[in-house]
């Protein structure tokens, strides 16, 4: 790549960053919010396995949102299902189950 092509590439990338700054900022804010929610959920299920409604009540979050995060955490081996309580699965942190 010549020096002129490199300069053009840098200019194009800068324009793209400037044009999409709002989107980048929104995505960063959403990620920060999701991390905070996951921390809340982890604190609730750290001591003992809990169902989605129990986690939602303890964390003060909607059950649908809790379920979404728990399923994602399960997918990435951060949380595990440890049994059933009535018709609900019990969830706890994956590292806790290994102990």
Foldseek 3Di string as FASTA:
>chain_A
DDPVVVVVVVVVVVVVCVVCVVVVVVVVVVVVVLVVVVVLLQVQQAPHWDFLVSSCVSSVHDSVVSVVSQVVCVVVQQKDFDQDDVPTTTIHGNVVVVD
